[in-house]
N, C-alpha and C. Protein backbone atom coordinates (compact mmCIF):
# COMPACT_ATOMS: atom_id res chain seq x y z
N VAL A 1 -14.47 -2.38 7.80
CA VAL A 1 -13.43 -2.78 8.84
C VAL A 1 -12.26 -1.71 8.62
N PHE A 2 -11.83 -0.99 9.68
CA PHE A 2 -10.76 -0.06 9.63
C PHE A 2 -9.44 -0.83 9.77
N TRP A 3 -8.52 -0.72 8.76
CA TRP A 3 -7.33 -1.65 8.88
C TRP A 3 -6.38 -0.87 9.72
N GLN A 4 -5.64 -1.66 10.46
CA GLN A 4 -4.67 -1.34 11.50
C GLN A 4 -3.66 -2.40 11.79
N ASP A 5 -2.41 -2.11 12.16
CA ASP A 5 -1.41 -3.19 12.35
C ASP A 5 -1.62 -4.05 13.37
N ASN A 6 -2.51 -3.55 14.50
CA ASN A 6 -2.66 -4.36 15.62
C ASN A 6 -4.05 -5.04 15.83
N ILE A 7 -4.57 -5.56 14.66
CA ILE A 7 -5.87 -6.18 14.66
C ILE A 7 -5.81 -7.55 15.48
N ASP A 8 -6.72 -7.80 16.30
CA ASP A 8 -6.74 -9.06 17.07
C ASP A 8 -7.79 -9.85 16.38
N VAL A 9 -7.42 -10.64 15.62
CA VAL A 9 -8.39 -11.58 14.80
C VAL A 9 -9.05 -12.54 15.82
N ASP A 10 -8.47 -12.96 16.94
CA ASP A 10 -9.08 -13.79 17.77
C ASP A 10 -10.46 -13.30 18.38
N ASN A 11 -10.45 -11.95 18.55
CA ASN A 11 -11.66 -11.49 19.04
C ASN A 11 -12.62 -10.66 18.02
N MET A 12 -12.59 -11.25 16.85
CA MET A 12 -13.44 -10.61 15.79
C MET A 12 -14.51 -11.68 15.44
N THR A 13 -15.61 -11.14 15.00
CA THR A 13 -16.79 -12.02 14.81
C THR A 13 -16.60 -12.54 13.20
N TYR A 14 -17.37 -13.57 12.92
CA TYR A 14 -17.30 -14.05 11.62
C TYR A 14 -17.38 -13.07 10.39
N GLU A 15 -18.32 -12.13 10.58
CA GLU A 15 -18.73 -11.05 9.62
C GLU A 15 -17.32 -10.15 9.57
N GLU A 16 -16.91 -9.77 10.75
CA GLU A 16 -15.64 -8.84 10.73
C GLU A 16 -14.40 -9.56 9.97
N LEU A 17 -14.43 -10.84 10.18
CA LEU A 17 -13.28 -11.58 9.49
C LEU A 17 -13.36 -11.70 8.01
N LEU A 18 -14.75 -11.87 7.69
CA LEU A 18 -15.04 -11.73 6.15
C LEU A 18 -14.58 -10.41 5.47
N ASP A 19 -15.15 -9.25 6.29
CA ASP A 19 -14.89 -7.99 5.84
C ASP A 19 -13.31 -7.74 5.71
N LEU A 20 -12.64 -8.30 6.78
CA LEU A 20 -11.18 -8.03 6.75
C LEU A 20 -10.55 -8.69 5.53
N GLY A 21 -10.91 -9.94 5.31
CA GLY A 21 -10.49 -10.61 4.07
C GLY A 21 -10.70 -10.13 2.84
N GLU A 22 -11.88 -9.36 2.70
CA GLU A 22 -12.21 -8.59 1.49
C GLU A 22 -11.33 -7.46 1.33
N ALA A 23 -10.98 -6.70 2.62
CA ALA A 23 -10.18 -5.42 2.63
C ALA A 23 -8.72 -5.84 2.32
N VAL A 24 -8.22 -6.89 2.89
CA VAL A 24 -6.87 -7.17 2.66
C VAL A 24 -6.66 -7.81 1.13
N GLY A 25 -7.59 -8.65 0.75
CA GLY A 25 -7.53 -9.23 -0.60
C GLY A 25 -6.37 -10.24 -0.78
N THR A 26 -5.99 -10.43 -1.96
CA THR A 26 -5.11 -11.54 -2.20
C THR A 26 -3.80 -10.93 -3.04
N GLN A 27 -3.67 -9.58 -2.77
CA GLN A 27 -2.51 -9.03 -3.59
C GLN A 27 -1.27 -9.35 -2.90
N SER A 28 -0.41 -9.66 -3.79
CA SER A 28 1.04 -10.17 -3.26
C SER A 28 1.67 -8.92 -2.56
N ARG A 29 2.42 -9.35 -1.53
CA ARG A 29 3.12 -8.27 -0.73
C ARG A 29 4.50 -8.09 -1.44
N GLY A 30 5.05 -8.93 -2.27
CA GLY A 30 6.39 -9.06 -2.75
C GLY A 30 6.63 -8.39 -4.15
N LEU A 31 7.73 -8.17 -4.60
CA LEU A 31 8.16 -7.68 -5.88
C LEU A 31 7.73 -8.60 -6.96
N SER A 32 7.38 -8.40 -8.14
CA SER A 32 7.16 -9.11 -9.27
C SER A 32 8.58 -9.91 -9.74
N GLN A 33 8.25 -11.11 -10.13
CA GLN A 33 9.41 -11.97 -10.62
C GLN A 33 10.19 -11.22 -11.66
N GLU A 34 9.52 -10.50 -12.49
CA GLU A 34 10.07 -9.83 -13.61
C GLU A 34 11.02 -8.76 -13.09
N LEU A 35 10.70 -8.00 -12.01
CA LEU A 35 11.58 -7.08 -11.45
C LEU A 35 12.76 -7.73 -10.63
N ILE A 36 12.36 -8.78 -10.09
CA ILE A 36 13.52 -9.52 -9.26
C ILE A 36 14.63 -10.09 -10.33
N SER A 37 14.04 -10.65 -11.35
CA SER A 37 14.95 -11.32 -12.45
C SER A 37 15.78 -10.14 -13.16
N SER A 38 15.39 -8.87 -13.13
CA SER A 38 16.24 -7.79 -13.68
C SER A 38 17.38 -7.45 -12.86
N LEU A 39 17.47 -7.96 -11.65
CA LEU A 39 18.67 -7.65 -10.83
C LEU A 39 19.94 -8.47 -11.30
N PRO A 40 21.04 -7.88 -11.18
CA PRO A 40 22.29 -8.40 -11.67
C PRO A 40 22.78 -9.82 -10.87
N VAL A 41 23.01 -10.74 -11.50
CA VAL A 41 23.45 -12.03 -10.69
C VAL A 41 24.91 -12.34 -11.06
N SER A 42 25.63 -12.78 -10.33
CA SER A 42 27.07 -12.99 -10.37
C SER A 42 27.45 -14.25 -9.60
N LYS A 43 28.69 -14.73 -9.78
CA LYS A 43 29.06 -15.80 -8.94
C LYS A 43 30.13 -15.41 -7.95
N TYR A 44 29.98 -15.86 -6.69
CA TYR A 44 30.94 -15.55 -5.60
C TYR A 44 32.24 -15.93 -5.89
N LYS A 45 33.28 -15.12 -5.80
CA LYS A 45 34.67 -15.48 -6.00
C LYS A 45 35.32 -15.15 -4.79
N SER A 46 36.05 -16.17 -4.09
CA SER A 46 36.89 -15.86 -2.83
C SER A 46 38.05 -15.10 -3.24
N GLY A 47 38.90 -14.90 -2.41
CA GLY A 47 40.28 -14.17 -2.60
C GLY A 47 40.99 -14.72 -3.72
N GLY A 48 40.83 -15.93 -4.12
CA GLY A 48 41.41 -16.57 -5.34
C GLY A 48 42.69 -17.32 -4.82
N PHE A 49 43.19 -18.34 -5.71
CA PHE A 49 44.29 -19.14 -5.33
C PHE A 49 45.51 -18.44 -5.01
N PHE A 50 45.89 -17.40 -5.74
CA PHE A 50 47.20 -16.76 -5.64
C PHE A 50 47.02 -15.50 -4.69
N SER A 51 45.71 -15.31 -4.19
CA SER A 51 45.75 -14.01 -3.25
C SER A 51 46.28 -14.21 -2.00
N ARG A 52 46.85 -13.19 -1.50
CA ARG A 52 47.46 -13.16 -0.15
C ARG A 52 46.42 -13.15 0.85
N LYS A 53 45.31 -12.35 0.49
CA LYS A 53 44.22 -12.02 1.35
C LYS A 53 43.12 -13.06 1.17
N LYS A 54 42.92 -13.89 2.05
CA LYS A 54 41.92 -14.77 2.04
C LYS A 54 40.52 -14.12 2.47
N SER A 55 39.41 -14.40 1.87
CA SER A 55 38.16 -14.00 2.26
C SER A 55 37.52 -14.84 3.18
N HIS A 56 37.39 -14.42 4.51
CA HIS A 56 36.75 -15.16 5.71
C HIS A 56 35.71 -14.16 6.26
N GLY A 57 34.51 -14.73 6.47
CA GLY A 57 33.51 -14.12 7.08
C GLY A 57 32.58 -13.33 6.12
N ASP A 58 32.83 -13.54 4.87
CA ASP A 58 31.83 -13.05 3.91
C ASP A 58 30.66 -13.82 3.95
N GLN A 59 29.40 -13.37 4.34
CA GLN A 59 28.20 -14.09 4.44
C GLN A 59 27.10 -13.47 4.05
N CYS A 60 25.98 -14.16 3.70
CA CYS A 60 24.73 -13.66 3.33
C CYS A 60 24.06 -13.28 4.60
N VAL A 61 23.51 -12.14 4.72
CA VAL A 61 23.02 -11.61 6.03
C VAL A 61 21.47 -12.24 6.07
N ILE A 62 20.92 -12.73 5.05
CA ILE A 62 19.64 -13.33 5.17
C ILE A 62 19.67 -14.72 5.87
N CYS A 63 20.55 -15.53 5.13
CA CYS A 63 20.65 -16.91 5.72
C CYS A 63 21.78 -17.10 6.83
N GLN A 64 22.69 -16.15 6.95
CA GLN A 64 23.81 -16.19 7.93
C GLN A 64 24.76 -17.26 7.45
N MET A 65 24.76 -17.74 6.25
CA MET A 65 25.85 -18.76 5.87
C MET A 65 26.88 -18.09 5.09
N GLU A 66 28.18 -18.65 5.21
CA GLU A 66 29.35 -18.05 4.48
C GLU A 66 29.15 -18.38 2.93
N TYR A 67 29.51 -17.48 2.16
CA TYR A 67 29.57 -17.74 0.75
C TYR A 67 30.51 -18.78 0.45
N LYS A 68 30.24 -19.59 -0.43
CA LYS A 68 31.23 -20.61 -1.02
C LYS A 68 31.55 -20.15 -2.50
N ARG A 69 32.71 -20.71 -2.92
CA ARG A 69 33.13 -20.30 -4.20
C ARG A 69 31.94 -20.84 -5.23
N ARG A 70 31.68 -19.83 -6.18
CA ARG A 70 30.72 -20.12 -7.29
C ARG A 70 29.31 -19.92 -6.83
N ASP A 71 29.03 -19.51 -5.51
CA ASP A 71 27.56 -19.38 -5.17
C ASP A 71 27.04 -18.24 -5.97
N ARG A 72 25.74 -18.42 -6.46
CA ARG A 72 25.15 -17.39 -7.22
C ARG A 72 24.68 -16.27 -6.23
N GLN A 73 24.91 -15.08 -6.57
CA GLN A 73 24.52 -13.94 -5.77
C GLN A 73 23.79 -12.81 -6.49
N ILE A 74 22.88 -12.12 -5.98
CA ILE A 74 22.24 -10.92 -6.53
C ILE A 74 22.71 -9.75 -5.73
N THR A 75 22.79 -8.77 -6.65
CA THR A 75 23.36 -7.40 -6.22
C THR A 75 22.23 -6.39 -6.20
N LEU A 76 21.84 -5.84 -5.17
CA LEU A 76 20.64 -4.74 -5.21
C LEU A 76 21.42 -3.37 -5.69
N PRO A 77 20.54 -2.57 -6.17
CA PRO A 77 20.95 -1.20 -6.51
C PRO A 77 21.85 -0.31 -5.52
N CYS A 78 21.50 -0.76 -4.18
CA CYS A 78 22.48 -0.18 -3.13
C CYS A 78 23.72 -0.82 -3.05
N LYS A 79 24.00 -1.94 -3.92
CA LYS A 79 25.38 -2.71 -3.88
C LYS A 79 25.34 -3.53 -2.75
N HIS A 80 24.38 -3.83 -2.06
CA HIS A 80 24.35 -4.99 -1.15
C HIS A 80 24.20 -6.36 -1.92
N VAL A 81 24.93 -7.32 -1.42
CA VAL A 81 24.85 -8.72 -1.96
C VAL A 81 24.32 -9.74 -1.15
N TYR A 82 23.56 -10.68 -1.75
CA TYR A 82 22.92 -11.71 -0.96
C TYR A 82 23.01 -12.97 -1.84
N HIS A 83 22.87 -14.08 -1.31
CA HIS A 83 22.65 -15.38 -2.08
C HIS A 83 21.44 -15.05 -3.03
N ALA A 84 21.62 -15.52 -4.19
CA ALA A 84 20.41 -15.32 -5.18
C ALA A 84 19.25 -15.90 -4.70
N LYS A 85 19.31 -17.10 -4.21
CA LYS A 85 18.06 -17.94 -3.70
C LYS A 85 17.39 -17.16 -2.48
N CYS A 86 18.32 -16.72 -1.51
CA CYS A 86 17.83 -15.93 -0.40
C CYS A 86 17.12 -14.64 -0.72
N ALA A 87 17.71 -13.89 -1.62
CA ALA A 87 17.20 -12.61 -1.91
C ALA A 87 15.95 -12.80 -2.85
N THR A 88 15.88 -13.72 -3.71
CA THR A 88 14.66 -13.89 -4.42
C THR A 88 13.57 -14.27 -3.78
N ARG A 89 13.75 -15.22 -2.63
CA ARG A 89 12.66 -15.50 -1.73
C ARG A 89 12.31 -14.39 -0.87
N TRP A 90 13.21 -13.60 -0.38
CA TRP A 90 12.92 -12.52 0.42
C TRP A 90 12.21 -11.33 -0.24
N LEU A 91 12.55 -11.07 -1.46
CA LEU A 91 11.97 -9.86 -2.24
C LEU A 91 10.60 -10.34 -2.76
N SER A 92 10.46 -11.60 -2.92
CA SER A 92 9.02 -12.07 -3.33
C SER A 92 7.99 -12.01 -2.33
N ILE A 93 8.57 -11.95 -0.94
CA ILE A 93 7.62 -11.75 0.13
C ILE A 93 7.41 -10.45 0.64
N ASN A 94 8.51 -9.70 0.51
CA ASN A 94 8.63 -8.24 1.18
C ASN A 94 8.64 -7.30 0.06
N LYS A 95 7.59 -6.61 -0.19
CA LYS A 95 7.59 -5.41 -1.12
C LYS A 95 8.41 -4.31 -0.61
N VAL A 96 9.44 -3.96 -1.36
CA VAL A 96 10.26 -2.91 -1.15
C VAL A 96 10.63 -1.94 -2.28
N SER A 97 10.72 -0.91 -2.38
CA SER A 97 11.01 -0.12 -3.49
C SER A 97 12.53 -0.16 -3.70
N LEU A 98 13.01 -0.62 -4.75
CA LEU A 98 14.42 -0.67 -5.07
C LEU A 98 14.94 0.69 -5.41
N GLN A 99 14.02 1.64 -5.49
CA GLN A 99 14.41 3.01 -5.70
C GLN A 99 15.04 3.70 -4.49
N LYS A 100 14.48 3.09 -3.42
CA LYS A 100 15.12 3.72 -2.10
C LYS A 100 16.35 3.19 -1.65
N PHE A 101 16.92 2.07 -2.43
CA PHE A 101 18.33 1.49 -2.28
C PHE A 101 19.26 2.53 -2.95
N ASN A 102 18.84 3.25 -3.92
CA ASN A 102 19.88 3.92 -4.87
C ASN A 102 20.48 5.14 -4.03
């Protein structure tokens, strides 16, 4: 089976589907837990009690929720910050090279 992005599995024979399954395999598409856990984790701090500038609109672009004080965050090498839970889930599904973020 020749692998391509626009495969129509609805029009494939049983044998072609078996071949496709063997070609695709069971390899994970995401990053390893070891690599994900090596990323720095911190806790979100808003502007602070005595700060004149309040932080409004700071949100995780994955879940679109505003950060709350003490939320755990992961910082990628490119300095983008996400909720730790959101980024862990996303990185475990989507294999990306962390090198390209540098």
